[in-house]
Amino acid sequence: MPSRNLSERTIVSHTHAARRKALKALLAADQPLILPGAYDALSAQLAERAGFDATYTGSFAAAASGFGMPDVGLLTLNDMVDQTRRIVEATSVPVLADAENGFYDAPNIWRTIQAFEATGVCGVHIEDNLGGKHTATPAGLLSPHRMAQKIRAAVDARTDPDFLVIARSDAAWVNHDADECIDRLETYIAAGADMVFAPALPADALARARKRLAVPVMVAGDLLDVPGSDVPAHTIEDYGRAGADVILLWYTLIGAATKNVTEVLDRLRTRNDVAAVKELVTDQRAFEGLMGYDRFEQRSARYAAAPASS
């Protein structure tokens, strides 16, 4: 993918409506949209600079990067909205966000939707998981009926029809039941979901059921869903052939950051020499260019000059 200069934002304008329409156009393309998960504003900018057409922020990365905590239901609505707003403001590409289980039941979920919509994000996913993700003690799933009511209420609450309400089912992940997952997704689509998200849904199950799902489908491309394995069960190409419209890489960026920072720190501790980590660290001048220090200098020069006398 080509590199982009963030000072020349040519993908979409900064308006919320334009980004949302741009995302819908990406979803209508022949190829699946690869969606890297940013853990903060800088990583979102790096994803855009690398040529990715959209990005994402999830509670797993937000909990780790913003609070140094596990993703076990500790983040509040405001925590996720604030992180989303920072990422939207730092980029010009469409952004999707994780709204957990909606934070409220159906009668009050309007507050969640309106808070996220105000950030300029292009859509959120709401899940039927009751908690305990990434642990050995998952709490189970919300009933399909109650989840469908949340989706209906979320659709009713939005003010921009291009804001996507994405229904996520974790039945394939928590219950290891692909058929239940597909049945739930159909129920959520009937309730008005614009897109569905199914972590750990096997590619062959998606391929068999794709015609039953009348909206775009998102899958997790970097979820370790096979016990004992350190790679996902399916490749990006597998999911593309199966009919996935969006392939989310929710973990890869924060995993890469953790590994590389840890390696730098280990070398510094043992060698006590900055030269020992030179090849692992972005050149400071290049980093300053990435952050726009040159544009600050231009503004400083402009406003430091005395105004011309008339």
C-alpha atoms as a PDB file:
ATOM      1  CA  MET A   1       0.000   0.000   0.000  1.00  0.00           C
ATOM      2  CA  PRO A   2       1.316   3.474  -0.822  1.00  0.00           C
ATOM      3  CA  SER A   3       2.542   5.860   1.833  1.00  0.00           C
ATOM      4  CA  ARG A   4       0.490   8.975   2.484  1.00  0.00           C
ATOM      5  CA  ASN A   5       1.537  12.376   3.761  1.00  0.00           C
ATOM      6  CA  LEU A   6      -0.938  13.306   6.470  1.00  0.00           C
ATOM      7  CA  SER A   7      -0.500  16.992   5.671  1.00  0.00           C
ATOM      8  CA  GLU A   8      -2.156  16.284   2.312  1.00  0.00           C
ATOM      9  CA  ARG A   9      -5.338  14.554   3.408  1.00  0.00           C
ATOM     10  CA  THR A  10      -6.885  13.470   0.135  1.00  0.00           C
ATOM     11  CA  ILE A  11      -8.992  10.479   1.154  1.00  0.00           C
ATOM     12  CA  VAL A  12     -12.044  12.200   2.579  1.00  0.00           C
ATOM     13  CA  SER A  13     -12.863  15.557   4.034  1.00  0.00           C
ATOM     14  CA  HIS A  14     -13.034  16.052   7.779  1.00  0.00           C
ATOM     15  CA  THR A  15     -16.823  16.284   7.824  1.00  0.00           C
ATOM     16  CA  HIS A  16     -18.558  13.475   9.661  1.00  0.00           C
ATOM     17  CA  ALA A  17     -21.001  12.904   6.835  1.00  0.00           C
ATOM     18  CA  ALA A  18     -18.256  12.620   4.202  1.00  0.00           C
ATOM     19  CA  ARG A  19     -16.332  10.024   6.171  1.00  0.00           C
ATOM     20  CA  ARG A  20     -19.451   7.929   6.678  1.00  0.00           C
ATOM     21  CA  LYS A  21     -20.283   8.001   2.993  1.00  0.00           C
ATOM     22  CA  ALA A  22     -16.672   7.112   2.192  1.00  0.00           C
ATOM     23  CA  LEU A  23     -16.879   4.067   4.445  1.00  0.00           C
ATOM     24  CA  LYS A  24     -20.048   2.898   2.730  1.00  0.00           C
ATOM     25  CA  ALA A  25     -18.260   3.171  -0.601  1.00  0.00           C
ATOM     26  CA  LEU A  26     -15.388   1.074   0.764  1.00  0.00           C
ATOM     27  CA  LEU A  27     -17.862  -1.566   1.951  1.00  0.00           C
ATOM     28  CA  ALA A  28     -19.356  -1.737  -1.541  1.00  0.00           C
ATOM     29  CA  ALA A  29     -15.975  -2.478  -3.148  1.00  0.00           C
ATOM     30  CA  ASP A  30     -15.118  -5.894  -4.579  1.00  0.00           C
ATOM     31  CA  GLN A  31     -12.249  -6.505  -2.157  1.00  0.00           C
ATOM     32  CA  PRO A  32     -12.616  -6.831   1.625  1.00  0.00           C
ATOM     33  CA  LEU A  33     -11.640  -3.822   3.697  1.00  0.00           C
ATOM     34  CA  ILE A  34      -8.622  -4.529   5.908  1.00  0.00           C
ATOM     35  CA  LEU A  35      -9.152  -2.612   9.133  1.00  0.00           C
ATOM     36  CA  PRO A  36      -6.122  -2.192  11.446  1.00  0.00           C
ATOM     37  CA  GLY A  37      -7.005  -1.557  15.069  1.00  0.00           C
ATOM     38  CA  ALA A  38      -5.381   1.606  16.393  1.00  0.00           C
ATOM     39  CA  TYR A  39      -4.581   1.799  20.090  1.00  0.00           C
ATOM     40  CA  ASP A  40      -4.168   5.591  20.188  1.00  0.00           C
ATOM     41  CA  ALA A  41      -4.107   8.661  17.948  1.00  0.00           C
ATOM     42  CA  LEU A  42      -0.512   8.124  16.798  1.00  0.00           C
ATOM     43  CA  SER A  43      -1.050   4.510  15.749  1.00  0.00           C
ATOM     44  CA  ALA A  44      -4.174   5.609  13.863  1.00  0.00           C
ATOM     45  CA  GLN A  45      -2.105   8.212  12.018  1.00  0.00           C
ATOM     46  CA  LEU A  46       0.514   5.590  11.200  1.00  0.00           C
ATOM     47  CA  ALA A  47      -2.179   3.303   9.774  1.00  0.00           C
ATOM     48  CA  GLU A  48      -3.410   6.121   7.562  1.00  0.00           C
ATOM     49  CA  ARG A  49       0.129   7.012   6.493  1.00  0.00           C
ATOM     50  CA  ALA A  50       0.742   3.362   5.579  1.00  0.00           C
ATOM     51  CA  GLY A  51      -2.144   3.551   3.117  1.00  0.00           C
ATOM     52  CA  PHE A  52      -5.010   1.899   4.962  1.00  0.00           C
ATOM     53  CA  ASP A  53      -8.346   3.402   3.985  1.00  0.00           C
ATOM     54  CA  ALA A  54      -9.973   3.172   7.422  1.00  0.00           C
ATOM     55  CA  THR A  55      -9.124   2.287  10.999  1.00  0.00           C
ATOM     56  CA  TYR A  56     -10.726   1.074  14.209  1.00  0.00           C
ATOM     57  CA  THR A  57     -10.467   1.454  17.957  1.00  0.00           C
ATOM     58  CA  GLY A  58     -11.472  -1.312  20.355  1.00  0.00           C
ATOM     59  CA  SER A  59     -11.828  -1.699  24.089  1.00  0.00           C
ATOM     60  CA  PHE A  60      -8.994  -4.255  24.316  1.00  0.00           C
ATOM     61  CA  ALA A  61      -6.402  -1.814  22.981  1.00  0.00           C
ATOM     62  CA  ALA A  62      -7.984   1.186  24.721  1.00  0.00           C
ATOM     63  CA  ALA A  63      -7.893  -0.510  28.117  1.00  0.00           C
ATOM     64  CA  ALA A  64      -4.261  -1.518  27.665  1.00  0.00           C
ATOM     65  CA  SER A  65      -2.885   1.678  26.124  1.00  0.00           C
ATOM     66  CA  GLY A  66      -4.947   4.206  28.062  1.00  0.00           C
ATOM     67  CA  PHE A  67      -5.136   2.567  31.477  1.00  0.00           C
ATOM     68  CA  GLY A  68      -2.741  -0.396  31.575  1.00  0.00           C
ATOM     69  CA  MET A  69      -5.686  -2.644  32.409  1.00  0.00           C
ATOM     70  CA  PRO A  70      -7.299  -5.789  30.972  1.00  0.00           C
ATOM     71  CA  ASP A  71     -10.413  -5.626  28.827  1.00  0.00           C
ATOM     72  CA  VAL A  72     -12.826  -7.055  31.383  1.00  0.00           C
ATOM     73  CA  GLY A  73     -15.573  -4.453  31.437  1.00  0.00           C
ATOM     74  CA  LEU A  74     -13.610  -1.773  33.301  1.00  0.00           C
ATOM     75  CA  LEU A  75     -13.924   0.970  30.704  1.00  0.00           C
ATOM     76  CA  THR A  76     -16.843   3.358  30.857  1.00  0.00           C
ATOM     77  CA  LEU A  77     -18.812   4.904  28.019  1.00  0.00           C
ATOM     78  CA  ASN A  78     -16.870   8.137  28.462  1.00  0.00           C
ATOM     79  CA  ASP A  79     -13.538   6.262  28.353  1.00  0.00           C
ATOM     80  CA  MET A  80     -14.353   4.748  24.966  1.00  0.00           C
ATOM     81  CA  VAL A  81     -15.937   7.905  23.573  1.00  0.00           C
ATOM     82  CA  ASP A  82     -12.908  10.005  24.554  1.00  0.00           C
ATOM     83  CA  GLN A  83     -10.495   7.549  22.943  1.00  0.00           C
ATOM     84  CA  THR A  84     -12.617   7.414  19.804  1.00  0.00           C
ATOM     85  CA  ARG A  85     -12.785  11.201  19.534  1.00  0.00           C
ATOM     86  CA  ARG A  86      -9.006  11.524  19.769  1.00  0.00           C
ATOM     87  CA  ILE A  87      -8.509   8.999  16.971  1.00  0.00           C
ATOM     88  CA  VAL A  88     -11.137  10.588  14.728  1.00  0.00           C
ATOM     89  CA  GLU A  89      -9.642  14.054  15.225  1.00  0.00           C
ATOM     90  CA  ALA A  90      -6.115  12.799  14.494  1.00  0.00           C
ATOM     91  CA  THR A  91      -6.992  11.231  11.135  1.00  0.00           C
ATOM     92  CA  SER A  92      -8.963  11.864   7.978  1.00  0.00           C
ATOM     93  CA  VAL A  93     -10.000   8.286   7.201  1.00  0.00           C
ATOM     94  CA  PRO A  94     -13.237   6.600   8.333  1.00  0.00           C
ATOM     95  CA  VAL A  95     -13.116   5.108  11.828  1.00  0.00           C
ATOM     96  CA  LEU A  96     -15.196   2.357  13.436  1.00  0.00           C
ATOM     97  CA  ALA A  97     -15.383   1.911  17.201  1.00  0.00           C
ATOM     98  CA  ASP A  98     -16.223  -0.634  19.860  1.00  0.00           C
ATOM     99  CA  ALA A  99     -19.281   0.239  21.936  1.00  0.00           C
ATOM    100  CA  GLU A 100     -18.986  -2.903  24.058  1.00  0.00           C
ATOM    101  CA  ASN A 101     -22.482  -4.169  24.987  1.00  0.00           C
ATOM    102  CA  GLY A 102     -23.944  -0.712  24.455  1.00  0.00           C
ATOM    103  CA  PHE A 103     -23.286   0.233  28.100  1.00  0.00           C
ATOM    104  CA  TYR A 104     -27.063   0.397  28.719  1.00  0.00           C
ATOM    105  CA  ASP A 105     -30.190  -1.625  28.087  1.00  0.00           C
ATOM    106  CA  ALA A 106     -32.399  -0.737  25.132  1.00  0.00           C
ATOM    107  CA  PRO A 107     -34.374   2.148  26.712  1.00  0.00           C
ATOM    108  CA  ASN A 108     -31.168   4.070  27.507  1.00  0.00           C
ATOM    109  CA  ILE A 109     -28.868   3.054  24.674  1.00  0.00           C
ATOM    110  CA  TRP A 110     -29.703   6.329  22.899  1.00  0.00           C
ATOM    111  CA  ARG A 111     -27.088   7.963  25.135  1.00  0.00           C
ATOM    112  CA  THR A 112     -24.373   5.640  23.817  1.00  0.00           C
ATOM    113  CA  ILE A 113     -25.279   6.177  20.184  1.00  0.00           C
ATOM    114  CA  GLN A 114     -25.527   9.945  20.437  1.00  0.00           C
ATOM    115  CA  ALA A 115     -22.219  10.171  22.332  1.00  0.00           C
ATOM    116  CA  PHE A 116     -20.356   8.140  19.707  1.00  0.00           C
ATOM    117  CA  GLU A 117     -22.100   9.823  16.796  1.00  0.00           C
ATOM    118  CA  ALA A 118     -20.934  13.223  18.060  1.00  0.00           C
ATOM    119  CA  THR A 119     -17.276  12.118  17.812  1.00  0.00           C
ATOM    120  CA  GLY A 120     -17.480  11.755  14.027  1.00  0.00           C
ATOM    121  CA  VAL A 121     -16.930   8.010  14.110  1.00  0.00           C
ATOM    122  CA  CYS A 122     -18.593   6.154  11.239  1.00  0.00           C
ATOM    123  CA  GLY A 123     -20.250   3.457  13.315  1.00  0.00           C
ATOM    124  CA  VAL A 124     -20.043   1.244  16.381  1.00  0.00           C
ATOM    125  CA  HIS A 125     -20.469  -2.421  17.110  1.00  0.00           C
ATOM    126  CA  ILE A 126     -22.615  -3.612  19.998  1.00  0.00           C
ATOM    127  CA  GLU A 127     -22.118  -7.132  21.293  1.00  0.00           C
ATOM    128  CA  ASP A 128     -24.195  -9.857  22.933  1.00  0.00           C
ATOM    129  CA  ASN A 129     -21.281 -10.924  25.166  1.00  0.00           C
ATOM    130  CA  LEU A 130     -22.047 -10.599  28.885  1.00  0.00           C
ATOM    131  CA  GLY A 131     -18.383 -10.349  29.926  1.00  0.00           C
ATOM    132  CA  GLY A 132     -15.286 -12.378  30.651  1.00  0.00           C
ATOM    133  CA  LYS A 133     -13.807 -12.155  27.160  1.00  0.00           C
ATOM    134  CA  HIS A 134     -10.172 -13.263  26.915  1.00  0.00           C
ATOM    135  CA  THR A 135     -10.565 -15.199  30.183  1.00  0.00           C
ATOM    136  CA  ALA A 136     -11.343 -18.786  31.144  1.00  0.00           C
ATOM    137  CA  THR A 137     -14.629 -17.720  32.764  1.00  0.00           C
ATOM    138  CA  PRO A 138     -16.892 -16.098  30.137  1.00  0.00           C
ATOM    139  CA  ALA A 139     -20.237 -14.955  31.523  1.00  0.00           C
ATOM    140  CA  GLY A 140     -22.240 -16.130  28.521  1.00  0.00           C
ATOM    141  CA  LEU A 141     -24.410 -14.296  26.026  1.00  0.00           C
ATOM    142  CA  LEU A 142     -27.377 -11.966  26.197  1.00  0.00           C
ATOM    143  CA  SER A 143     -30.597 -13.507  24.900  1.00  0.00           C
ATOM    144  CA  PRO A 144     -31.158 -12.905  21.174  1.00  0.00           C
ATOM    145  CA  HIS A 145     -34.411 -11.059  21.955  1.00  0.00           C
ATOM    146  CA  ARG A 146     -32.815  -8.580  24.356  1.00  0.00           C
ATOM    147  CA  MET A 147     -29.893  -8.045  22.022  1.00  0.00           C
ATOM    148  CA  ALA A 148     -32.253  -7.423  19.104  1.00  0.00           C
ATOM    149  CA  GLN A 149     -34.050  -4.811  21.185  1.00  0.00           C
ATOM    150  CA  LYS A 150     -30.734  -3.047  21.784  1.00  0.00           C
ATOM    151  CA  ILE A 151     -30.086  -2.991  18.052  1.00  0.00           C
ATOM    152  CA  ARG A 152     -33.558  -1.616  17.336  1.00  0.00           C
ATOM    153  CA  ALA A 153     -33.069   1.094  19.945  1.00  0.00           C
ATOM    154  CA  ALA A 154     -29.609   1.966  18.611  1.00  0.00           C
ATOM    155  CA  VAL A 155     -30.949   2.377  15.076  1.00  0.00           C
ATOM    156  CA  ASP A 156     -33.775   4.561  16.380  1.00  0.00           C
ATOM    157  CA  ALA A 157     -31.313   6.743  18.307  1.00  0.00           C
ATOM    158  CA  ARG A 158     -28.973   7.744  15.492  1.00  0.00           C
ATOM    159  CA  THR A 159     -29.477  11.073  13.764  1.00  0.00           C
ATOM    160  CA  ASP A 160     -27.352  10.319  10.682  1.00  0.00           C
ATOM    161  CA  PRO A 161     -28.660   7.360   8.636  1.00  0.00           C
ATOM    162  CA  ASP A 162     -25.100   6.726   7.396  1.00  0.00           C
ATOM    163  CA  PHE A 163     -23.892   6.062  10.957  1.00  0.00           C
ATOM    164  CA  LEU A 164     -23.525   2.269  11.063  1.00  0.00           C
ATOM    165  CA  VAL A 165     -25.050   0.178  13.841  1.00  0.00           C
ATOM    166  CA  ILE A 166     -23.075  -3.074  13.799  1.00  0.00           C
ATOM    167  CA  ALA A 167     -24.370  -6.109  15.680  1.00  0.00           C
ATOM    168  CA  ARG A 168     -21.727  -8.430  17.078  1.00  0.00           C
ATOM    169  CA  SER A 169     -22.375 -11.989  18.172  1.00  0.00           C
ATOM    170  CA  ASP A 170     -19.793 -13.927  20.150  1.00  0.00           C
ATOM    171  CA  ALA A 171     -21.616 -17.249  19.915  1.00  0.00           C
ATOM    172  CA  ALA A 172     -18.853 -18.760  17.773  1.00  0.00           C
ATOM    173  CA  TRP A 173     -16.218 -17.552  20.229  1.00  0.00           C
ATOM    174  CA  VAL A 174     -17.871 -18.162  23.594  1.00  0.00           C
ATOM    175  CA  ASN A 175     -20.124 -21.128  22.791  1.00  0.00           C
ATOM    176  CA  HIS A 176     -18.060 -22.508  19.869  1.00  0.00           C
ATOM    177  CA  ASP A 177     -21.312 -22.728  17.936  1.00  0.00           C
ATOM    178  CA  ALA A 178     -21.184 -21.347  14.402  1.00  0.00           C
ATOM    179  CA  ASP A 179     -24.821 -22.225  13.683  1.00  0.00           C
ATOM    180  CA  GLU A 180     -26.018 -20.318  16.757  1.00  0.00           C
ATOM    181  CA  CYS A 181     -23.873 -17.386  15.687  1.00  0.00           C
ATOM    182  CA  ILE A 182     -25.426 -17.253  12.218  1.00  0.00           C
ATOM    183  CA  ASP A 183     -28.938 -17.566  13.664  1.00  0.00           C
ATOM    184  CA  ARG A 184     -28.256 -14.699  16.062  1.00  0.00           C
ATOM    185  CA  LEU A 185     -26.829 -12.523  13.303  1.00  0.00           C
ATOM    186  CA  GLU A 186     -29.954 -13.066  11.218  1.00  0.00           C
ATOM    187  CA  THR A 187     -32.067 -11.975  14.180  1.00  0.00           C
ATOM    188  CA  TYR A 188     -29.979  -8.831  14.625  1.00  0.00           C
ATOM    189  CA  ILE A 189     -30.205  -8.011  10.917  1.00  0.00           C
ATOM    190  CA  ALA A 190     -33.985  -8.305  11.132  1.00  0.00           C
ATOM    191  CA  ALA A 191     -33.829  -5.809  14.022  1.00  0.00           C
ATOM    192  CA  GLY A 192     -32.107  -3.276  11.751  1.00  0.00           C
ATOM    193  CA  ALA A 193     -28.356  -3.882  12.008  1.00  0.00           C
ATOM    194  CA  ASP A 194     -26.435  -2.318   9.111  1.00  0.00           C
ATOM    195  CA  MET A 195     -23.543  -4.758   9.442  1.00  0.00           C
ATOM    196  CA  VAL A 196     -22.705  -7.796  11.567  1.00  0.00           C
ATOM    197  CA  PHE A 197     -19.499  -8.862  13.288  1.00  0.00           C
ATOM    198  CA  ALA A 198     -18.669 -12.447  14.208  1.00  0.00           C
ATOM    199  CA  PRO A 199     -15.347 -13.059  15.993  1.00  0.00           C
ATOM    200  CA  ALA A 200     -14.091 -16.658  15.698  1.00  0.00           C
ATOM    201  CA  LEU A 201     -16.638 -17.614  13.054  1.00  0.00           C
ATOM    202  CA  PRO A 202     -14.888 -20.246  10.902  1.00  0.00           C
ATOM    203  CA  ALA A 203     -14.354 -19.238   7.286  1.00  0.00           C
ATOM    204  CA  ASP A 204     -16.118 -22.338   5.965  1.00  0.00           C
ATOM    205  CA  ALA A 205     -19.163 -21.608   8.137  1.00  0.00           C
ATOM    206  CA  LEU A 206     -19.247 -18.042   6.841  1.00  0.00           C
ATOM    207  CA  ALA A 207     -19.015 -19.250   3.252  1.00  0.00           C
ATOM    208  CA  ARG A 208     -21.930 -21.651   3.725  1.00  0.00           C
ATOM    209  CA  ALA A 209     -24.122 -19.034   5.376  1.00  0.00           C
ATOM    210  CA  ARG A 210     -23.054 -15.874   3.563  1.00  0.00           C
ATOM    211  CA  LYS A 211     -26.200 -15.633   1.448  1.00  0.00           C
ATOM    212  CA  ARG A 212     -28.313 -15.703   4.613  1.00  0.00           C
ATOM    213  CA  LEU A 213     -26.651 -12.519   5.866  1.00  0.00           C
ATOM    214  CA  ALA A 214     -28.063  -9.647   3.847  1.00  0.00           C
ATOM    215  CA  VAL A 215     -25.647  -6.991   5.153  1.00  0.00           C
ATOM    216  CA  PRO A 216     -21.843  -6.573   5.175  1.00  0.00           C
ATOM    217  CA  VAL A 217     -20.003  -9.009   7.443  1.00  0.00           C
ATOM    218  CA  MET A 218     -16.942  -8.245   9.584  1.00  0.00           C
ATOM    219  CA  VAL A 219     -14.662 -10.926  11.006  1.00  0.00           C
ATOM    220  CA  ALA A 220     -11.579 -10.863  13.238  1.00  0.00           C
ATOM    221  CA  GLY A 221      -8.484 -11.698  11.232  1.00  0.00           C
ATOM    222  CA  ASP A 222      -6.014 -11.897  14.117  1.00  0.00           C
ATOM    223  CA  LEU A 223      -7.951 -13.646  16.875  1.00  0.00           C
ATOM    224  CA  LEU A 224      -6.162 -16.695  18.272  1.00  0.00           C
ATOM    225  CA  ASP A 225      -9.180 -18.996  18.102  1.00  0.00           C
ATOM    226  CA  VAL A 226      -7.425 -22.369  18.137  1.00  0.00           C
ATOM    227  CA  PRO A 227      -6.246 -23.587  21.583  1.00  0.00           C
ATOM    228  CA  GLY A 228      -2.491 -24.021  21.709  1.00  0.00           C
ATOM    229  CA  SER A 229      -1.838 -22.209  18.432  1.00  0.00           C
ATOM    230  CA  ASP A 230      -0.094 -18.856  18.090  1.00  0.00           C
ATOM    231  CA  VAL A 231      -1.666 -18.057  14.719  1.00  0.00           C
ATOM    232  CA  PRO A 232      -5.326 -17.516  13.759  1.00  0.00           C
ATOM    233  CA  ALA A 233      -7.249 -20.426  12.274  1.00  0.00           C
ATOM    234  CA  HIS A 234      -7.803 -18.561   9.002  1.00  0.00           C
ATOM    235  CA  THR A 235      -5.840 -16.172   6.843  1.00  0.00           C
ATOM    236  CA  ILE A 236      -7.067 -12.874   5.453  1.00  0.00           C
ATOM    237  CA  GLU A 237      -7.363 -14.586   2.061  1.00  0.00           C
ATOM    238  CA  ASP A 238      -9.460 -17.386   3.585  1.00  0.00           C
ATOM    239  CA  TYR A 239     -11.941 -14.893   4.975  1.00  0.00           C
ATOM    240  CA  GLY A 240     -11.954 -12.902   1.748  1.00  0.00           C
ATOM    241  CA  ARG A 241     -12.892 -15.999  -0.250  1.00  0.00           C
ATOM    242  CA  ALA A 242     -15.579 -16.832   2.309  1.00  0.00           C
ATOM    243  CA  GLY A 243     -17.317 -13.519   1.691  1.00  0.00           C
ATOM    244  CA  ALA A 244     -16.132 -11.274   4.513  1.00  0.00           C
ATOM    245  CA  ASP A 245     -16.526  -7.584   3.723  1.00  0.00           C
ATOM    246  CA  VAL A 246     -14.334  -6.294   6.570  1.00  0.00           C
ATOM    247  CA  ILE A 247     -11.377  -8.100   8.133  1.00  0.00           C
ATOM    248  CA  LEU A 248     -10.537  -6.505  11.455  1.00  0.00           C
ATOM    249  CA  LEU A 249      -7.002  -6.685  12.864  1.00  0.00           C
ATOM    250  CA  TRP A 250      -7.928  -5.601  16.374  1.00  0.00           C
ATOM    251  CA  TYR A 251      -4.772  -6.809  18.172  1.00  0.00           C
ATOM    252  CA  THR A 252      -1.845  -6.677  15.742  1.00  0.00           C
ATOM    253  CA  LEU A 253      -0.783  -3.039  16.206  1.00  0.00           C
ATOM    254  CA  ILE A 254      -0.764  -2.999  19.996  1.00  0.00           C
ATOM    255  CA  GLY A 255       0.911  -6.405  19.970  1.00  0.00           C
ATOM    256  CA  ALA A 256       3.624  -5.047  17.661  1.00  0.00           C
ATOM    257  CA  ALA A 257       4.146  -1.975  19.846  1.00  0.00           C
ATOM    258  CA  THR A 258       4.443  -4.061  23.004  1.00  0.00           C
ATOM    259  CA  LYS A 259       6.950  -6.465  21.462  1.00  0.00           C
ATOM    260  CA  ASN A 260       9.169  -3.768  19.987  1.00  0.00           C
ATOM    261  CA  VAL A 261       9.186  -1.462  23.008  1.00  0.00           C
ATOM    262  CA  THR A 262       9.980  -4.453  25.220  1.00  0.00           C
ATOM    263  CA  GLU A 263      12.915  -5.383  22.984  1.00  0.00           C
ATOM    264  CA  VAL A 264      14.276  -1.829  23.094  1.00  0.00           C
ATOM    265  CA  LEU A 265      13.997  -1.693  26.878  1.00  0.00           C
ATOM    266  CA  ASP A 266      15.692  -5.086  27.285  1.00  0.00           C
ATOM    267  CA  ARG A 267      18.628  -3.993  25.121  1.00  0.00           C
ATOM    268  CA  LEU A 268      18.977  -0.691  26.949  1.00  0.00           C
ATOM    269  CA  ARG A 269      19.005  -2.431  30.306  1.00  0.00           C
ATOM    270  CA  THR A 270      21.669  -4.953  29.289  1.00  0.00           C
ATOM    271  CA  ARG A 271      23.889  -2.800  27.028  1.00  0.00           C
ATOM    272  CA  ASN A 272      23.404   0.663  28.510  1.00  0.00           C
ATOM    273  CA  ASP A 273      23.933   2.285  25.099  1.00  0.00           C
ATOM    274  CA  VAL A 274      21.443   4.075  22.853  1.00  0.00           C
ATOM    275  CA  ALA A 275      23.467   2.949  19.818  1.00  0.00           C
ATOM    276  CA  ALA A 276      22.451  -0.630  20.612  1.00  0.00           C
ATOM    277  CA  VAL A 277      18.839   0.116  19.752  1.00  0.00           C
ATOM    278  CA  LYS A 278      19.367   2.517  16.862  1.00  0.00           C
ATOM    279  CA  GLU A 279      17.913   0.184  14.218  1.00  0.00           C
ATOM    280  CA  LEU A 280      14.765  -0.361  16.310  1.00  0.00           C
ATOM    281  CA  VAL A 281      13.967   3.317  16.847  1.00  0.00           C
ATOM    282  CA  THR A 282      12.522   5.798  14.359  1.00  0.00           C
ATOM    283  CA  ASP A 283      14.981   8.584  13.627  1.00  0.00           C
ATOM    284  CA  GLN A 284      14.086  11.580  15.785  1.00  0.00           C
ATOM    285  CA  ARG A 285      14.070  13.997  12.844  1.00  0.00           C
ATOM    286  CA  ALA A 286      11.790  11.708  10.870  1.00  0.00           C
ATOM    287  CA  PHE A 287       9.472  11.430  13.848  1.00  0.00           C
ATOM    288  CA  GLU A 288       9.349  15.211  14.212  1.00  0.00           C
ATOM    289  CA  GLY A 289       8.426  15.435  10.546  1.00  0.00           C
ATOM    290  CA  LEU A 290       5.648  12.920  11.087  1.00  0.00           C
ATOM    291  CA  MET A 291       4.258  15.007  13.933  1.00  0.00           C
ATOM    292  CA  GLY A 292       4.222  18.235  11.938  1.00  0.00           C
ATOM    293  CA  TYR A 293       6.896  20.291  13.657  1.00  0.00           C
ATOM    294  CA  ASP A 294       7.734  21.823  10.279  1.00  0.00           C
ATOM    295  CA  ARG A 295       4.199  23.147   9.937  1.00  0.00           C
ATOM    296  CA  PHE A 296       4.471  24.684  13.402  1.00  0.00           C
ATOM    297  CA  GLU A 297       7.658  26.453  12.304  1.00  0.00           C
ATOM    298  CA  GLN A 298       5.880  27.825   9.247  1.00  0.00           C
ATOM    299  CA  ARG A 299       3.056  29.178  11.388  1.00  0.00           C
ATOM    300  CA  SER A 300       5.510  30.665  13.845  1.00  0.00           C
ATOM    301  CA  ALA A 301       7.356  32.477  11.062  1.00  0.00           C
ATOM    302  CA  ARG A 302       4.135  33.802   9.610  1.00  0.00           C
ATOM    303  CA  TYR A 303       2.769  35.208  12.837  1.00  0.00           C
ATOM    304  CA  ALA A 304       6.108  36.465  14.150  1.00  0.00           C
ATOM    305  CA  ALA A 305       6.557  38.888  11.282  1.00  0.00           C
ATOM    306  CA  ALA A 306       5.436  42.445  11.847  1.00  0.00           C
ATOM    307  CA  PRO A 307       2.376  43.338   9.763  1.00  0.00           C
ATOM    308  CA  ALA A 308       3.125  45.427   6.705  1.00  0.00           C
ATOM    309  CA  SER A 309       2.378  49.106   7.188  1.00  0.00           C
ATOM    310  CA  SER A 310      -0.333  50.561   5.007  1.00  0.00           C
END
